Amino acid sequence: MERLRSSPLHANISTALDKHLEVIHVVQSRRKDEIVNASNRQRQGAPRCQDDRDVFALAWAIREMSAATRRARTTLWCAFQMTLPK
């Protein structure tokens, strides 16, 4: 879109996209933590019930990712609108 406009876009657009990518990495990390902790509990012979902290951390990260995705989509729509010829 910057190439189509021949000028840089607003700084908030880059910030929103960077935040979205950061939140995706957090969700991936929480999911990996949950998998590792579940496999460790299974090796130790613990019951199959999951530790609530892992699930809550993952749920919070997914909630944040959902909000960041909405912001990124809105930001990209605004950038697209600014790119269109008048």
N, C-alpha and C. Protein backbone atom coordinates (compact mmCIF):
# COMPACT_ATOMS: atom_id res chain seq x y z
N MET A 1 0.83 -1.19 0.00
CA MET A 1 0.00 0.00 0.00
C MET A 1 0.88 1.25 0.00
N GLU A 2 2.03 1.16 0.66
CA GLU A 2 2.93 2.31 0.64
C GLU A 2 3.44 2.58 -0.76
N ARG A 3 3.68 1.52 -1.51
CA ARG A 3 4.14 1.70 -2.89
C ARG A 3 3.04 2.30 -3.76
N LEU A 4 1.81 1.90 -3.53
CA LEU A 4 0.71 2.45 -4.32
C LEU A 4 0.50 3.93 -4.02
N ARG A 5 0.72 4.32 -2.76
CA ARG A 5 0.54 5.72 -2.37
C ARG A 5 1.76 6.57 -2.71
N SER A 6 2.90 5.93 -2.86
CA SER A 6 4.18 6.62 -3.07
C SER A 6 4.54 7.48 -1.87
N SER A 7 4.06 7.10 -0.71
CA SER A 7 4.41 7.78 0.53
C SER A 7 4.17 6.82 1.69
N PRO A 8 4.87 7.03 2.79
CA PRO A 8 4.68 6.12 3.93
C PRO A 8 3.30 6.28 4.56
N LEU A 9 2.84 5.20 5.14
CA LEU A 9 1.57 5.21 5.86
C LEU A 9 1.79 5.73 7.28
N HIS A 10 0.72 5.97 7.96
CA HIS A 10 0.78 6.48 9.33
C HIS A 10 1.50 5.47 10.23
N ALA A 11 2.20 5.95 11.23
CA ALA A 11 2.97 5.10 12.13
C ALA A 11 2.09 4.13 12.91
N ASN A 12 0.85 4.50 13.18
CA ASN A 12 -0.06 3.61 13.92
C ASN A 12 -0.34 2.33 13.16
N ILE A 13 -0.26 2.37 11.85
CA ILE A 13 -0.51 1.17 11.05
C ILE A 13 0.59 0.15 11.31
N SER A 14 1.82 0.58 11.27
CA SER A 14 2.93 -0.33 11.56
C SER A 14 2.88 -0.83 12.99
N THR A 15 2.52 0.04 13.91
CA THR A 15 2.43 -0.34 15.32
C THR A 15 1.38 -1.43 15.53
N ALA A 16 0.23 -1.27 14.91
CA ALA A 16 -0.85 -2.27 15.06
C ALA A 16 -0.42 -3.62 14.48
N LEU A 17 0.26 -3.60 13.35
CA LEU A 17 0.69 -4.86 12.74
C LEU A 17 1.80 -5.51 13.56
N ASP A 18 2.70 -4.71 14.12
CA ASP A 18 3.75 -5.26 14.98
C ASP A 18 3.15 -5.87 16.24
N LYS A 19 2.16 -5.21 16.82
CA LYS A 19 1.49 -5.71 18.02
C LYS A 19 0.78 -7.04 17.71
N HIS A 20 0.17 -7.12 16.54
CA HIS A 20 -0.52 -8.34 16.13
C HIS A 20 0.47 -9.51 16.04
N LEU A 21 1.61 -9.27 15.43
CA LEU A 21 2.62 -10.31 15.31
C LEU A 21 3.16 -10.72 16.69
N GLU A 22 3.35 -9.75 17.56
CA GLU A 22 3.83 -10.03 18.92
C GLU A 22 2.84 -10.90 19.68
N VAL A 23 1.56 -10.61 19.56
CA VAL A 23 0.53 -11.38 20.27
C VAL A 23 0.45 -12.80 19.70
N ILE A 24 0.66 -12.96 18.42
CA ILE A 24 0.68 -14.30 17.82
C ILE A 24 1.81 -15.13 18.44
N HIS A 25 2.96 -14.52 18.61
CA HIS A 25 4.08 -15.23 19.22
C HIS A 25 3.78 -15.60 20.68
N VAL A 26 3.06 -14.75 21.38
CA VAL A 26 2.68 -15.06 22.77
C VAL A 26 1.75 -16.26 22.80
N VAL A 27 0.78 -16.31 21.90
CA VAL A 27 -0.15 -17.45 21.84
C VAL A 27 0.62 -18.73 21.54
N GLN A 28 1.55 -18.66 20.61
CA GLN A 28 2.34 -19.85 20.29
C GLN A 28 3.14 -20.31 21.50
N SER A 29 3.70 -19.39 22.23
CA SER A 29 4.48 -19.72 23.43
C SER A 29 3.61 -20.35 24.50
N ARG A 30 2.42 -19.78 24.73
CA ARG A 30 1.51 -20.34 25.74
C ARG A 30 1.07 -21.75 25.36
N ARG A 31 0.83 -21.96 24.08
CA ARG A 31 0.41 -23.28 23.62
C ARG A 31 1.54 -24.30 23.82
N LYS A 32 2.76 -23.90 23.50
CA LYS A 32 3.90 -24.80 23.71
C LYS A 32 4.06 -25.13 25.19
N ASP A 33 3.91 -24.12 26.05
CA ASP A 33 4.00 -24.35 27.50
C ASP A 33 2.95 -25.34 27.96
N GLU A 34 1.74 -25.19 27.44
CA GLU A 34 0.66 -26.09 27.82
C GLU A 34 0.97 -27.52 27.39
N ILE A 35 1.48 -27.69 26.19
CA ILE A 35 1.81 -29.03 25.69
C ILE A 35 2.92 -29.67 26.52
N VAL A 36 3.97 -28.89 26.79
CA VAL A 36 5.10 -29.41 27.57
C VAL A 36 4.65 -29.80 28.97
N ASN A 37 3.89 -28.95 29.63
CA ASN A 37 3.43 -29.25 30.99
C ASN A 37 2.49 -30.45 31.01
N ALA A 38 1.65 -30.58 30.00
CA ALA A 38 0.74 -31.73 29.95
C ALA A 38 1.53 -33.02 29.74
N SER A 39 2.53 -33.00 28.89
CA SER A 39 3.32 -34.22 28.66
C SER A 39 4.14 -34.58 29.90
N ASN A 40 4.64 -33.56 30.62
CA ASN A 40 5.38 -33.84 31.85
C ASN A 40 4.48 -34.47 32.91
N ARG A 41 3.26 -33.98 33.02
CA ARG A 41 2.32 -34.55 34.00
C ARG A 41 1.96 -35.98 33.61
N GLN A 42 1.84 -36.25 32.31
CA GLN A 42 1.49 -37.58 31.86
C GLN A 42 2.62 -38.57 32.16
N ARG A 43 3.86 -38.13 31.99
CA ARG A 43 5.00 -39.00 32.28
C ARG A 43 5.08 -39.33 33.77
N GLN A 44 4.67 -38.39 34.59
CA GLN A 44 4.74 -38.60 36.04
C GLN A 44 3.58 -39.42 36.56
N GLY A 45 2.65 -39.75 35.69
CA GLY A 45 1.52 -40.57 36.09
C GLY A 45 0.43 -39.79 36.79
N ALA A 46 0.43 -38.49 36.65
CA ALA A 46 -0.60 -37.66 37.27
C ALA A 46 -1.92 -37.85 36.53
N PRO A 47 -3.02 -37.51 37.17
CA PRO A 47 -4.32 -37.60 36.50
C PRO A 47 -4.36 -36.71 35.25
N ARG A 48 -5.28 -36.99 34.35
CA ARG A 48 -5.33 -36.30 33.07
C ARG A 48 -5.87 -34.88 33.15
N CYS A 49 -6.34 -34.43 34.29
CA CYS A 49 -6.87 -33.08 34.40
C CYS A 49 -5.72 -32.07 34.21
N GLN A 50 -6.00 -31.00 33.52
CA GLN A 50 -4.97 -30.01 33.21
C GLN A 50 -4.85 -28.98 34.32
N ASP A 51 -3.69 -28.41 34.41
CA ASP A 51 -3.46 -27.32 35.35
C ASP A 51 -4.19 -26.08 34.81
N ASP A 52 -4.99 -25.47 35.66
CA ASP A 52 -5.80 -24.33 35.22
C ASP A 52 -4.94 -23.14 34.80
N ARG A 53 -3.77 -22.97 35.38
CA ARG A 53 -2.94 -21.82 35.04
C ARG A 53 -2.55 -21.83 33.56
N ASP A 54 -2.22 -23.02 33.03
CA ASP A 54 -1.87 -23.12 31.61
C ASP A 54 -3.05 -22.75 30.72
N VAL A 55 -4.20 -23.25 31.09
CA VAL A 55 -5.41 -23.00 30.29
C VAL A 55 -5.80 -21.53 30.36
N PHE A 56 -5.74 -20.94 31.55
CA PHE A 56 -6.09 -19.53 31.70
C PHE A 56 -5.10 -18.63 30.95
N ALA A 57 -3.82 -18.96 30.99
CA ALA A 57 -2.82 -18.16 30.27
C ALA A 57 -3.06 -18.25 28.77
N LEU A 58 -3.38 -19.44 28.30
CA LEU A 58 -3.66 -19.60 26.87
C LEU A 58 -4.95 -18.86 26.48
N ALA A 59 -5.97 -18.95 27.31
CA ALA A 59 -7.23 -18.27 27.02
C ALA A 59 -7.03 -16.75 26.98
N TRP A 60 -6.25 -16.23 27.94
CA TRP A 60 -5.98 -14.79 27.95
C TRP A 60 -5.22 -14.38 26.70
N ALA A 61 -4.24 -15.19 26.28
CA ALA A 61 -3.46 -14.87 25.09
C ALA A 61 -4.33 -14.90 23.83
N ILE A 62 -5.25 -15.84 23.76
CA ILE A 62 -6.15 -15.92 22.60
C ILE A 62 -7.09 -14.72 22.59
N ARG A 63 -7.54 -14.30 23.77
CA ARG A 63 -8.39 -13.11 23.87
C ARG A 63 -7.65 -11.87 23.37
N GLU A 64 -6.40 -11.74 23.77
CA GLU A 64 -5.58 -10.61 23.32
C GLU A 64 -5.33 -10.69 21.82
N MET A 65 -5.13 -11.91 21.30
CA MET A 65 -4.92 -12.06 19.87
C MET A 65 -6.17 -11.69 19.08
N SER A 66 -7.32 -12.02 19.61
CA SER A 66 -8.57 -11.67 18.95
C SER A 66 -8.72 -10.15 18.84
N ALA A 67 -8.43 -9.45 19.93
CA ALA A 67 -8.53 -7.99 19.92
C ALA A 67 -7.49 -7.39 18.98
N ALA A 68 -6.28 -7.92 19.00
CA ALA A 68 -5.23 -7.40 18.12
C ALA A 68 -5.56 -7.67 16.66
N THR A 69 -6.20 -8.79 16.37
CA THR A 69 -6.60 -9.11 15.00
C THR A 69 -7.65 -8.13 14.51
N ARG A 70 -8.62 -7.81 15.37
CA ARG A 70 -9.63 -6.82 14.98
C ARG A 70 -9.00 -5.47 14.70
N ARG A 71 -8.05 -5.05 15.56
CA ARG A 71 -7.37 -3.77 15.35
C ARG A 71 -6.56 -3.79 14.05
N ALA A 72 -5.87 -4.89 13.80
CA ALA A 72 -5.05 -4.99 12.58
C ALA A 72 -5.93 -4.96 11.33
N ARG A 73 -7.06 -5.64 11.38
CA ARG A 73 -7.96 -5.63 10.22
C ARG A 73 -8.51 -4.23 9.96
N THR A 74 -8.90 -3.55 11.03
CA THR A 74 -9.40 -2.19 10.89
C THR A 74 -8.32 -1.26 10.36
N THR A 75 -7.12 -1.42 10.88
CA THR A 75 -6.00 -0.59 10.44
C THR A 75 -5.69 -0.82 8.97
N LEU A 76 -5.69 -2.08 8.56
CA LEU A 76 -5.43 -2.37 7.14
C LEU A 76 -6.54 -1.83 6.25
N TRP A 77 -7.77 -1.88 6.73
CA TRP A 77 -8.88 -1.32 5.95
C TRP A 77 -8.69 0.18 5.79
N CYS A 78 -8.29 0.87 6.86
CA CYS A 78 -8.05 2.31 6.78
C CYS A 78 -6.90 2.62 5.82
N ALA A 79 -5.85 1.82 5.89
CA ALA A 79 -4.72 2.03 4.98
C ALA A 79 -5.15 1.82 3.53
N PHE A 80 -5.99 0.82 3.32
CA PHE A 80 -6.50 0.58 1.98
C PHE A 80 -7.34 1.76 1.49
N GLN A 81 -8.19 2.30 2.36
CA GLN A 81 -9.01 3.43 1.98
C GLN A 81 -8.17 4.64 1.62
N MET A 82 -7.05 4.83 2.34
CA MET A 82 -6.16 5.94 2.04
C MET A 82 -5.41 5.72 0.73
N THR A 83 -5.27 4.46 0.33
CA THR A 83 -4.53 4.11 -0.88
C THR A 83 -5.38 4.32 -2.14
N LEU A 84 -6.69 4.19 -2.00
CA LEU A 84 -7.57 4.29 -3.17
C LEU A 84 -7.49 5.70 -3.79
N PRO A 85 -7.60 5.77 -5.11
CA PRO A 85 -7.61 7.10 -5.73
C PRO A 85 -8.88 7.86 -5.35
N LYS A 86 -8.76 9.16 -5.30
CA LYS A 86 -9.91 9.97 -4.89
C LYS A 86 -10.79 10.34 -6.03
